[in-house]
């Protein structure tokens, strides 16, 4: 029986999520990316490995909920998003830029 190769979609990754907490995780060889809402762990893993040329050990997904905001007396909503925390093999690194 042949294993089917998963399609690699570069449209899964939106952009790196650069925050103070994400910077601390880089010391533990973990990187945070914003991803599209329909993204799966397998899709993120394949996309990171293909785009950055590194080996991914683990992917954790987090769905950040939308929040209500207020501008003057008008109420609105800040959209929610999905992010992925990617753990890389020891020795692999991703240069995200400064």
PDB file of N, CA and C in Angstrom:
ATOM      1  N   UNK A   1       0.829  -1.164   0.000  1.00  0.00           N
ATOM      2  CA  UNK A   1       0.000   0.000   0.000  1.00  0.00           C
ATOM      3  C   UNK A   1       0.889   1.248   0.000  1.00  0.00           C
ATOM      4  N   UNK A   2       0.575   2.186  -0.860  1.00  0.00           N
ATOM      5  CA  UNK A   2       1.355   3.416  -0.946  1.00  0.00           C
ATOM      6  C   UNK A   2       0.814   4.449   0.028  1.00  0.00           C
ATOM      7  N   UNK A   3       1.738   5.216   0.585  1.00  0.00           N
ATOM      8  CA  UNK A   3       1.312   6.345   1.406  1.00  0.00           C
ATOM      9  C   UNK A   3       1.012   7.507   0.483  1.00  0.00           C
ATOM     10  N   UNK A   4      -0.093   8.174   0.731  1.00  0.00           N
ATOM     11  CA  UNK A   4      -0.424   9.342  -0.074  1.00  0.00           C
ATOM     12  C   UNK A   4       0.348  10.539   0.447  1.00  0.00           C
ATOM     13  N   UNK A   5       0.917  11.277  -0.450  1.00  0.00           N
ATOM     14  CA  UNK A   5       1.656  12.472  -0.066  1.00  0.00           C
ATOM     15  C   UNK A   5       0.667  13.623   0.130  1.00  0.00           C
ATOM     16  N   UNK A   6       0.806  14.317   1.261  1.00  0.00           N
ATOM     17  CA  UNK A   6      -0.076  15.443   1.540  1.00  0.00           C
ATOM     18  C   UNK A   6       0.307  16.623   0.670  1.00  0.00           C
ATOM     19  N   UNK A   7      -0.700  17.383   0.260  1.00  0.00           N
ATOM     20  CA  UNK A   7      -0.455  18.594  -0.515  1.00  0.00           C
ATOM     21  C   UNK A   7       0.165  19.653   0.388  1.00  0.00           C
ATOM     22  N   UNK A   8       1.193  20.315  -0.111  1.00  0.00           N
ATOM     23  CA  UNK A   8       1.830  21.378   0.646  1.00  0.00           C
ATOM     24  C   UNK A   8       1.240  22.702   0.194  1.00  0.00           C
ATOM     25  N   UNK A   9       0.648  23.398   1.121  1.00  0.00           N
ATOM     26  CA  UNK A   9       0.023  24.673   0.803  1.00  0.00           C
ATOM     27  C   UNK A   9       0.778  25.784   1.520  1.00  0.00           C
ATOM     28  N   UNK A  10       1.332  26.704   0.755  1.00  0.00           N
ATOM     29  CA  UNK A  10       2.044  27.825   1.365  1.00  0.00           C
ATOM     30  C   UNK A  10       1.068  28.875   1.870  1.00  0.00           C
ATOM     31  N   UNK A  11      -0.202  28.738   1.508  1.00  0.00           N
ATOM     32  CA  UNK A  11      -1.182  29.729   1.945  1.00  0.00           C
ATOM     33  C   UNK A  11      -1.683  29.450   3.364  1.00  0.00           C
ATOM     34  N   UNK A  12      -1.143  28.427   4.028  1.00  0.00           N
ATOM     35  CA  UNK A  12      -1.549  28.115   5.400  1.00  0.00           C
ATOM     36  C   UNK A  12      -0.954  29.133   6.369  1.00  0.00           C
ATOM     37  N   UNK A  13       0.322  29.483   6.194  1.00  0.00           N
ATOM     38  CA  UNK A  13       0.990  30.429   7.083  1.00  0.00           C
ATOM     39  C   UNK A  13       0.656  31.851   6.674  1.00  0.00           C
ATOM     40  N   UNK A  14       0.204  32.653   7.620  1.00  0.00           N
ATOM     41  CA  UNK A  14      -0.053  34.060   7.326  1.00  0.00           C
ATOM     42  C   UNK A  14       1.221  34.868   7.527  1.00  0.00           C
ATOM     43  N   UNK A  15       1.718  34.898   8.771  1.00  0.00           N
ATOM     44  CA  UNK A  15       2.933  35.634   9.079  1.00  0.00           C
ATOM     45  C   UNK A  15       3.434  35.203  10.444  1.00  0.00           C
ATOM     46  N   UNK A  16       4.717  35.446  10.745  1.00  0.00           N
ATOM     47  CA  UNK A  16       5.215  35.131  12.083  1.00  0.00           C
ATOM     48  C   UNK A  16       4.549  36.038  13.116  1.00  0.00           C
ATOM     49  N   UNK A  17       4.258  35.491  14.269  1.00  0.00           N
ATOM     50  CA  UNK A  17       3.628  36.243  15.356  1.00  0.00           C
ATOM     51  C   UNK A  17       4.754  36.704  16.275  1.00  0.00           C
ATOM     52  N   UNK A  18       5.120  37.974  16.201  1.00  0.00           N
ATOM     53  CA  UNK A  18       6.273  38.478  16.937  1.00  0.00           C
ATOM     54  C   UNK A  18       5.785  39.272  18.146  1.00  0.00           C
ATOM     55  N   UNK A  19       5.954  38.670  19.323  1.00  0.00           N
ATOM     56  CA  UNK A  19       5.611  39.307  20.590  1.00  0.00           C
ATOM     57  C   UNK A  19       6.726  38.989  21.580  1.00  0.00           C
ATOM     58  N   UNK A  20       6.631  39.548  22.772  1.00  0.00           N
ATOM     59  CA  UNK A  20       7.641  39.276  23.789  1.00  0.00           C
ATOM     60  C   UNK A  20       7.616  37.800  24.193  1.00  0.00           C
ATOM     61  N   UNK A  21       6.431  37.246  24.341  1.00  0.00           N
ATOM     62  CA  UNK A  21       6.311  35.837  24.718  1.00  0.00           C
ATOM     63  C   UNK A  21       6.843  34.930  23.614  1.00  0.00           C
ATOM     64  N   UNK A  22       6.556  35.275  22.354  1.00  0.00           N
ATOM     65  CA  UNK A  22       7.062  34.483  21.232  1.00  0.00           C
ATOM     66  C   UNK A  22       8.583  34.550  21.179  1.00  0.00           C
ATOM     67  N   UNK A  23       9.149  35.695  21.548  1.00  0.00           N
ATOM     68  CA  UNK A  23      10.603  35.834  21.596  1.00  0.00           C
ATOM     69  C   UNK A  23      11.224  34.938  22.656  1.00  0.00           C
ATOM     70  N   UNK A  24      10.553  34.809  23.800  1.00  0.00           N
ATOM     71  CA  UNK A  24      11.046  33.918  24.847  1.00  0.00           C
ATOM     72  C   UNK A  24      10.970  32.456  24.414  1.00  0.00           C
ATOM     73  N   UNK A  25       9.936  32.105  23.659  1.00  0.00           N
ATOM     74  CA  UNK A  25       9.789  30.726  23.189  1.00  0.00           C
ATOM     75  C   UNK A  25      10.870  30.351  22.183  1.00  0.00           C
ATOM     76  N   UNK A  26      11.419  31.346  21.452  1.00  0.00           N
ATOM     77  CA  UNK A  26      12.473  31.049  20.483  1.00  0.00           C
ATOM     78  C   UNK A  26      13.704  30.481  21.170  1.00  0.00           C
ATOM     79  N   UNK A  27      13.925  30.846  22.434  1.00  0.00           N
ATOM     80  CA  UNK A  27      15.032  30.280  23.202  1.00  0.00           C
ATOM     81  C   UNK A  27      14.838  28.795  23.470  1.00  0.00           C
ATOM     82  N   UNK A  28      13.601  28.331  23.418  1.00  0.00           N
ATOM     83  CA  UNK A  28      13.292  26.909  23.612  1.00  0.00           C
ATOM     84  C   UNK A  28      13.073  26.203  22.278  1.00  0.00           C
ATOM     85  N   UNK A  29      13.501  26.846  21.187  1.00  0.00           N
ATOM     86  CA  UNK A  29      13.387  26.296  19.830  1.00  0.00           C
ATOM     87  C   UNK A  29      11.927  26.137  19.394  1.00  0.00           C
ATOM     88  N   UNK A  30      11.071  27.083  19.816  1.00  0.00           N
ATOM     89  CA  UNK A  30       9.668  27.103  19.426  1.00  0.00           C
ATOM     90  C   UNK A  30       9.370  28.428  18.741  1.00  0.00           C
ATOM     91  N   UNK A  31       8.608  28.377  17.657  1.00  0.00           N
ATOM     92  CA  UNK A  31       8.292  29.568  16.876  1.00  0.00           C
ATOM     93  C   UNK A  31       6.780  29.679  16.724  1.00  0.00           C
ATOM     94  N   UNK A  32       6.265  30.920  16.733  1.00  0.00           N
ATOM     95  CA  UNK A  32       4.825  31.156  16.689  1.00  0.00           C
ATOM     96  C   UNK A  32       4.473  31.816  15.360  1.00  0.00           C
ATOM     97  N   UNK A  33       3.443  31.282  14.686  1.00  0.00           N
ATOM     98  CA  UNK A  33       2.971  31.808  13.411  1.00  0.00           C
ATOM     99  C   UNK A  33       1.472  32.036  13.485  1.00  0.00           C
ATOM    100  N   UNK A  34       0.999  33.124  12.873  1.00  0.00           N
ATOM    101  CA  UNK A  34      -0.435  33.275  12.651  1.00  0.00           C
ATOM    102  C   UNK A  34      -0.765  32.432  11.432  1.00  0.00           C
ATOM    103  N   UNK A  35      -1.867  31.697  11.500  1.00  0.00           N
ATOM    104  CA  UNK A  35      -2.263  30.821  10.398  1.00  0.00           C
ATOM    105  C   UNK A  35      -3.718  31.101  10.029  1.00  0.00           C
ATOM    106  N   UNK A  36      -4.117  30.609   8.872  1.00  0.00           N
ATOM    107  CA  UNK A  36      -5.502  30.786   8.437  1.00  0.00           C
ATOM    108  C   UNK A  36      -6.410  29.924   9.319  1.00  0.00           C
ATOM    109  N   UNK A  37      -7.670  30.312   9.517  1.00  0.00           N
ATOM    110  CA  UNK A  37      -8.559  29.585  10.432  1.00  0.00           C
ATOM    111  C   UNK A  37      -8.786  28.115  10.071  1.00  0.00           C
ATOM    112  N   UNK A  38      -8.675  27.747   8.810  1.00  0.00           N
ATOM    113  CA  UNK A  38      -8.923  26.358   8.417  1.00  0.00           C
ATOM    114  C   UNK A  38      -7.658  25.491   8.482  1.00  0.00           C
ATOM    115  N   UNK A  39      -6.553  26.028   8.953  1.00  0.00           N
ATOM    116  CA  UNK A  39      -5.277  25.305   8.983  1.00  0.00           C
ATOM    117  C   UNK A  39      -5.326  24.139   9.964  1.00  0.00           C
ATOM    118  N   UNK A  40      -4.622  23.065   9.611  1.00  0.00           N
ATOM    119  CA  UNK A  40      -4.493  21.897  10.476  1.00  0.00           C
ATOM    120  C   UNK A  40      -3.042  21.758  10.907  1.00  0.00           C
ATOM    121  N   UNK A  41      -2.807  20.913  11.907  1.00  0.00           N
ATOM    122  CA  UNK A  41      -1.441  20.693  12.377  1.00  0.00           C
ATOM    123  C   UNK A  41      -0.567  20.122  11.264  1.00  0.00           C
ATOM    124  N   UNK A  42      -1.114  19.182  10.495  1.00  0.00           N
ATOM    125  CA  UNK A  42      -0.340  18.572   9.415  1.00  0.00           C
ATOM    126  C   UNK A  42      -0.013  19.591   8.329  1.00  0.00           C
ATOM    127  N   UNK A  43      -0.966  20.448   8.020  1.00  0.00           N
ATOM    128  CA  UNK A  43      -0.737  21.478   7.012  1.00  0.00           C
ATOM    129  C   UNK A  43       0.329  22.471   7.446  1.00  0.00           C
ATOM    130  N   UNK A  44       0.294  22.865   8.724  1.00  0.00           N
ATOM    131  CA  UNK A  44       1.296  23.793   9.250  1.00  0.00           C
ATOM    132  C   UNK A  44       2.668  23.135   9.242  1.00  0.00           C
ATOM    133  N   UNK A  45       2.734  21.881   9.660  1.00  0.00           N
ATOM    134  CA  UNK A  45       4.015  21.167   9.692  1.00  0.00           C
ATOM    135  C   UNK A  45       4.623  21.082   8.296  1.00  0.00           C
ATOM    136  N   UNK A  46       3.845  20.652   7.314  1.00  0.00           N
ATOM    137  CA  UNK A  46       4.342  20.531   5.946  1.00  0.00           C
ATOM    138  C   UNK A  46       4.762  21.883   5.386  1.00  0.00           C
ATOM    139  N   UNK A  47       3.993  22.909   5.674  1.00  0.00           N
ATOM    140  CA  UNK A  47       4.274  24.238   5.149  1.00  0.00           C
ATOM    141  C   UNK A  47       5.562  24.814   5.743  1.00  0.00           C
ATOM    142  N   UNK A  48       5.761  24.665   7.049  1.00  0.00           N
ATOM    143  CA  UNK A  48       6.978  25.175   7.693  1.00  0.00           C
ATOM    144  C   UNK A  48       8.199  24.409   7.196  1.00  0.00           C
ATOM    145  N   UNK A  49       8.087  23.084   7.092  1.00  0.00           N
ATOM    146  CA  UNK A  49       9.223  22.291   6.616  1.00  0.00           C
ATOM    147  C   UNK A  49       9.592  22.645   5.183  1.00  0.00           C
ATOM    148  N   UNK A  50       8.600  22.878   4.332  1.00  0.00           N
ATOM    149  CA  UNK A  50       8.874  23.203   2.934  1.00  0.00           C
ATOM    150  C   UNK A  50       9.402  24.628   2.783  1.00  0.00           C
ATOM    151  N   UNK A  51       8.835  25.562   3.518  1.00  0.00           N
ATOM    152  CA  UNK A  51       9.193  26.972   3.342  1.00  0.00           C
ATOM    153  C   UNK A  51      10.536  27.317   3.979  1.00  0.00           C
ATOM    154  N   UNK A  52      10.816  26.783   5.176  1.00  0.00           N
ATOM    155  CA  UNK A  52      12.027  27.150   5.905  1.00  0.00           C
ATOM    156  C   UNK A  52      13.112  26.074   5.859  1.00  0.00           C
ATOM    157  N   UNK A  53      12.814  24.880   5.391  1.00  0.00           N
ATOM    158  CA  UNK A  53      13.816  23.818   5.291  1.00  0.00           C
ATOM    159  C   UNK A  53      14.298  23.313   6.641  1.00  0.00           C
ATOM    160  N   UNK A  54      13.391  23.153   7.596  1.00  0.00           N
ATOM    161  CA  UNK A  54      13.722  22.668   8.935  1.00  0.00           C
ATOM    162  C   UNK A  54      12.869  21.445   9.244  1.00  0.00           C
ATOM    163  N   UNK A  55      13.199  20.756  10.339  1.00  0.00           N
ATOM    164  CA  UNK A  55      12.438  19.575  10.754  1.00  0.00           C
ATOM    165  C   UNK A  55      11.550  19.952  11.937  1.00  0.00           C
ATOM    166  N   UNK A  56      10.247  19.730  11.805  1.00  0.00           N
ATOM    167  CA  UNK A  56       9.272  20.068  12.845  1.00  0.00           C
ATOM    168  C   UNK A  56       8.978  18.830  13.684  1.00  0.00           C
ATOM    169  N   UNK A  57       9.090  18.975  15.014  1.00  0.00           N
ATOM    170  CA  UNK A  57       8.790  17.866  15.918  1.00  0.00           C
ATOM    171  C   UNK A  57       7.350  17.898  16.409  1.00  0.00           C
ATOM    172  N   UNK A  58       6.835  19.108  16.710  1.00  0.00           N
ATOM    173  CA  UNK A  58       5.503  19.209  17.311  1.00  0.00           C
ATOM    174  C   UNK A  58       4.852  20.521  16.889  1.00  0.00           C
ATOM    175  N   UNK A  59       3.528  20.492  16.731  1.00  0.00           N
ATOM    176  CA  UNK A  59       2.753  21.695  16.423  1.00  0.00           C
ATOM    177  C   UNK A  59       1.587  21.774  17.404  1.00  0.00           C
ATOM    178  N   UNK A  60       1.446  22.928  18.060  1.00  0.00           N
ATOM    179  CA  UNK A  60       0.301  23.175  18.941  1.00  0.00           C
ATOM    180  C   UNK A  60      -0.506  24.317  18.346  1.00  0.00           C
ATOM    181  N   UNK A  61      -1.822  24.168  18.319  1.00  0.00           N
ATOM    182  CA  UNK A  61      -2.708  25.174  17.723  1.00  0.00           C
ATOM    183  C   UNK A  61      -3.487  25.891  18.821  1.00  0.00           C
ATOM    184  N   UNK A  62      -3.647  27.210  18.647  1.00  0.00           N
ATOM    185  CA  UNK A  62      -4.382  28.035  19.597  1.00  0.00           C
ATOM    186  C   UNK A  62      -5.343  28.914  18.814  1.00  0.00           C
ATOM    187  N   UNK A  63      -6.601  28.917  19.217  1.00  0.00           N
ATOM    188  CA  UNK A  63      -7.592  29.804  18.595  1.00  0.00           C
ATOM    189  C   UNK A  63      -7.828  30.972  19.553  1.00  0.00           C
ATOM    190  N   UNK A  64      -7.446  32.177  19.113  1.00  0.00           N
ATOM    191  CA  UNK A  64      -7.610  33.386  19.919  1.00  0.00           C
ATOM    192  C   UNK A  64      -8.990  33.958  19.606  1.00  0.00           C
ATOM    193  N   UNK A  65      -9.854  34.140  20.617  1.00  0.00           N
ATOM    194  CA  UNK A  65     -11.220  34.600  20.347  1.00  0.00           C
ATOM    195  C   UNK A  65     -11.271  36.078  19.972  1.00  0.00           C
ATOM    196  N   UNK A  66     -12.356  36.469  19.312  1.00  0.00           N
ATOM    197  CA  UNK A  66     -12.558  37.882  18.985  1.00  0.00           C
ATOM    198  C   UNK A  66     -12.942  38.620  20.264  1.00  0.00           C
ATOM    199  N   UNK A  67     -12.681  39.929  20.282  1.00  0.00           N
ATOM    200  CA  UNK A  67     -12.979  40.722  21.472  1.00  0.00           C
ATOM    201  C   UNK A  67     -13.765  41.958  21.084  1.00  0.00           C
ATOM    202  N   UNK A  68     -14.588  42.421  22.007  1.00  0.00           N
ATOM    203  CA  UNK A  68     -15.339  43.654  21.786  1.00  0.00           C
ATOM    204  C   UNK A  68     -14.432  44.845  22.052  1.00  0.00           C
ATOM    205  N   UNK A  69     -14.526  45.859  21.194  1.00  0.00           N
ATOM    206  CA  UNK A  69     -13.772  47.089  21.393  1.00  0.00           C
ATOM    207  C   UNK A  69     -14.740  48.260  21.348  1.00  0.00           C
ATOM    208  N   UNK A  70     -14.300  49.378  21.879  1.00  0.00           N
ATOM    209  CA  UNK A  70     -15.157  50.550  21.907  1.00  0.00           C
ATOM    210  C   UNK A  70     -14.351  51.750  21.434  1.00  0.00           C
ATOM    211  N   UNK A  71     -14.895  52.464  20.466  1.00  0.00           N
ATOM    212  CA  UNK A  71     -14.296  53.694  19.973  1.00  0.00           C
ATOM    213  C   UNK A  71     -15.343  54.779  20.176  1.00  0.00           C
ATOM    214  N   UNK A  72     -15.103  55.637  21.162  1.00  0.00           N
ATOM    215  CA  UNK A  72     -16.130  56.619  21.513  1.00  0.00           C
ATOM    216  C   UNK A  72     -17.342  55.899  22.068  1.00  0.00           C
ATOM    217  N   UNK A  73     -18.490  56.136  21.471  1.00  0.00           N
ATOM    218  CA  UNK A  73     -19.689  55.421  21.922  1.00  0.00           C
ATOM    219  C   UNK A  73     -20.083  54.305  20.970  1.00  0.00           C
ATOM    220  N   UNK A  74     -19.261  54.034  19.992  1.00  0.00           N
ATOM    221  CA  UNK A  74     -19.537  52.981  19.022  1.00  0.00           C
ATOM    222  C   UNK A  74     -18.852  51.684  19.449  1.00  0.00           C
ATOM    223  N   UNK A  75     -19.600  50.609  19.476  1.00  0.00           N
ATOM    224  CA  UNK A  75     -19.043  49.298  19.809  1.00  0.00           C
ATOM    225  C   UNK A  75     -18.679  48.567  18.523  1.00  0.00           C
ATOM    226  N   UNK A  76     -17.626  47.808  18.602  1.00  0.00           N
ATOM    227  CA  UNK A  76     -17.197  47.026  17.450  1.00  0.00           C
ATOM    228  C   UNK A  76     -16.564  45.732  17.924  1.00  0.00           C
ATOM    229  N   UNK A  77     -15.995  44.996  16.995  1.00  0.00           N
ATOM    230  CA  UNK A  77     -15.337  43.736  17.334  1.00  0.00           C
ATOM    231  C   UNK A  77     -13.966  43.688  16.695  1.00  0.00           C
ATOM    232  N   UNK A  78     -12.991  43.241  17.470  1.00  0.00           N
ATOM    233  CA  UNK A  78     -11.673  42.960  16.934  1.00  0.00           C
ATOM    234  C   UNK A  78     -11.691  41.490  16.520  1.00  0.00           C
ATOM    235  N   UNK A  79     -11.281  41.171  15.309  1.00  0.00           N
ATOM    236  CA  UNK A  79     -11.415  39.787  14.853  1.00  0.00           C
ATOM    237  C   UNK A  79     -10.494  38.831  15.607  1.00  0.00           C
ATOM    238  N   UNK A  80     -10.952  37.597  15.754  1.00  0.00           N
ATOM    239  CA  UNK A  80     -10.130  36.564  16.341  1.00  0.00           C
ATOM    240  C   UNK A  80      -9.220  35.979  15.271  1.00  0.00           C
ATOM    241  N   UNK A  81      -8.285  35.135  15.687  1.00  0.00           N
ATOM    242  CA  UNK A  81      -7.377  34.499  14.740  1.00  0.00           C
ATOM    243  C   UNK A  81      -6.888  33.183  15.318  1.00  0.00           C
ATOM    244  N   UNK A  82      -6.148  32.457  14.528  1.00  0.00           N
ATOM    245  CA  UNK A  82      -5.606  31.171  14.931  1.00  0.00           C
ATOM    246  C   UNK A  82      -4.093  31.259  14.835  1.00  0.00           C
ATOM    247  N   UNK A  83      -3.398  30.695  15.812  1.00  0.00           N
ATOM    248  CA  UNK A  83      -1.942  30.696  15.740  1.00  0.00           C
ATOM    249  C   UNK A  83      -1.413  29.305  16.042  1.00  0.00           C
ATOM    250  N   UNK A  84      -0.198  29.056  15.578  1.00  0.00           N
ATOM    251  CA  UNK A  84       0.433  27.753  15.744  1.00  0.00           C
ATOM    252  C   UNK A  84       1.790  27.934  16.402  1.00  0.00           C
ATOM    253  N   UNK A  85       2.072  27.128  17.427  1.00  0.00           N
ATOM    254  CA  UNK A  85       3.380  27.106  18.068  1.00  0.00           C
ATOM    255  C   UNK A  85       4.099  25.872  17.538  1.00  0.00           C
ATOM    256  N   UNK A  86       5.203  26.103  16.827  1.00  0.00           N
ATOM    257  CA  UNK A  86       5.925  25.035  16.138  1.00  0.00           C
ATOM    258  C   UNK A  86       7.225  24.759  16.878  1.00  0.00           C
ATOM    259  N   UNK A  87       7.437  23.503  17.301  1.00  0.00           N
ATOM    260  CA  UNK A  87       8.677  23.092  17.948  1.00  0.00           C
ATOM    261  C   UNK A  87       9.570  22.438  16.907  1.00  0.00           C
ATOM    262  N   UNK A  88      10.815  22.921  16.814  1.00  0.00           N
ATOM    263  CA  UNK A  88      11.755  22.410  15.820  1.00  0.00           C
ATOM    264  C   UNK A  88      12.723  21.415  16.442  1.00  0.00           C
ATOM    265  N   UNK A  89      13.345  20.624  15.571  1.00  0.00           N
ATOM    266  CA  UNK A  89      14.376  19.679  15.975  1.00  0.00           C
ATOM    267  C   UNK A  89      15.560  20.463  16.538  1.00  0.00           C
ATOM    268  N   UNK A  90      16.237  19.898  17.527  1.00  0.00           N
ATOM    269  CA  UNK A  90      17.388  20.547  18.147  1.00  0.00           C
ATOM    270  C   UNK A  90      18.445  20.859  17.091  1.00  0.00           C
ATOM    271  N   UNK A  91      18.900  22.092  17.069  1.00  0.00           N
ATOM    272  CA  UNK A  91      19.912  22.512  16.096  1.00  0.00           C
ATOM    273  C   UNK A  91      19.343  23.267  14.907  1.00  0.00           C
ATOM    274  N   UNK A  92      18.042  23.116  14.630  1.00  0.00           N
ATOM    275  CA  UNK A  92      17.409  23.859  13.531  1.00  0.00           C
ATOM    276  C   UNK A  92      16.979  25.233  14.032  1.00  0.00           C
ATOM    277  N   UNK A  93      17.060  26.228  13.138  1.00  0.00           N
ATOM    278  CA  UNK A  93      16.655  27.592  13.482  1.00  0.00           C
ATOM    279  C   UNK A  93      15.925  28.215  12.317  1.00  0.00           C
ATOM    280  N   UNK A  94      15.070  29.180  12.625  1.00  0.00           N
ATOM    281  CA  UNK A  94      14.379  29.969  11.609  1.00  0.00           C
ATOM    282  C   UNK A  94      14.756  31.425  11.841  1.00  0.00           C
ATOM    283  N   UNK A  95      15.220  32.094  10.801  1.00  0.00           N
ATOM    284  CA  UNK A  95      15.521  33.524  10.882  1.00  0.00           C
ATOM    285  C   UNK A  95      14.266  34.292  10.484  1.00  0.00           C
ATOM    286  N   UNK A  96      13.620  34.926  11.450  1.00  0.00           N
ATOM    287  CA  UNK A  96      12.377  35.640  11.186  1.00  0.00           C
ATOM    288  C   UNK A  96      12.602  37.100  10.842  1.00  0.00           C
ATOM    289  N   UNK A  97      13.789  37.606  10.997  1.00  0.00           N
ATOM    290  CA  UNK A  97      14.057  39.012  10.693  1.00  0.00           C
ATOM    291  C   UNK A  97      13.889  39.873  11.926  1.00  0.00           C
ATOM    292  N   UNK A  98      14.477  41.057  11.863  1.00  0.00           N
ATOM    293  CA  UNK A  98      14.434  41.937  13.033  1.00  0.00           C
ATOM    294  C   UNK A  98      13.467  43.064  12.848  1.00  0.00           C
TER     295      UNK A  98
END
